[in-house]
């Protein structure tokens, strides 16, 4: 089957939008997920350290 110019344009746009959406998915899932995990771990660690040394904030 011969691809016409319209078909090539269609697939080009299709691949472009798929690539963009995959990049957004990757960023949100892995980059933001790990960044949030690091912040959560840091806060948890610092709270334990504060409690261990008696400088924890009272709630």
Protein backbone atom coordinates (compact mmCIF):
# COMPACT_ATOMS: atom_id res chain seq x y z
CA UNK A 1 0.00 0.00 0.00
CA UNK A 2 1.35 3.37 -0.99
CA UNK A 3 1.17 6.09 1.59
CA UNK A 4 -0.12 9.39 0.33
CA UNK A 5 1.13 12.70 1.61
CA UNK A 6 -1.97 12.98 3.81
CA UNK A 7 -1.19 9.62 5.41
CA UNK A 8 2.39 10.69 6.11
CA UNK A 9 1.23 13.92 7.69
CA UNK A 10 -1.29 12.00 9.78
CA UNK A 11 1.32 9.55 11.09
CA UNK A 12 3.82 12.31 11.70
CA UNK A 13 1.32 14.21 13.86
CA UNK A 14 0.19 10.97 15.50
CA UNK A 15 3.76 10.05 16.50
CA UNK A 16 4.46 13.59 17.70
CA UNK A 17 1.44 13.72 20.03
CA UNK A 18 2.16 10.20 21.29
CA UNK A 19 5.76 11.18 22.06
CA UNK A 20 4.67 14.33 23.88
CA UNK A 21 2.13 12.43 25.98
CA UNK A 22 4.66 9.72 26.86
CA UNK A 23 7.17 12.38 27.91
CA UNK A 24 4.56 14.05 30.14
CA UNK A 25 3.62 10.66 31.61
CA UNK A 26 7.26 9.84 32.32
CA UNK A 27 7.89 13.23 33.95
CA UNK A 28 4.82 13.09 36.18
CA UNK A 29 5.26 9.45 37.16
CA UNK A 30 8.98 9.25 37.75
CA UNK A 31 10.46 12.72 38.16
CA UNK A 32 7.69 14.27 40.28
CA UNK A 33 7.07 10.99 42.10
CA UNK A 34 10.69 10.61 43.17
CA UNK A 35 10.95 14.32 44.06
CA UNK A 36 7.92 14.02 46.35
CA UNK A 37 9.31 10.80 47.84
CA UNK A 38 12.60 12.55 48.65
CA UNK A 39 10.77 15.42 50.37
CA UNK A 40 8.62 12.99 52.39
CA UNK A 41 11.67 10.96 53.45
CA UNK A 42 13.60 14.10 54.43
CA UNK A 43 10.71 15.43 56.54
CA UNK A 44 10.28 12.07 58.26
CA UNK A 45 14.00 11.78 58.97
CA UNK A 46 14.24 15.32 60.34
CA UNK A 47 11.23 14.77 62.63
CA UNK A 48 12.87 11.66 64.08
CA UNK A 49 16.13 13.53 64.53
CA UNK A 50 14.34 16.41 66.28
CA UNK A 51 12.60 13.98 68.63
CA UNK A 52 15.82 12.14 69.35
CA UNK A 53 17.54 15.36 70.43
CA UNK A 54 14.57 16.88 72.24
CA UNK A 55 13.98 19.78 69.89
CA UNK A 56 10.77 18.55 68.27
CA UNK A 57 7.96 21.04 67.80
CA UNK A 58 4.89 20.46 69.93
CA UNK A 59 1.67 19.89 68.03
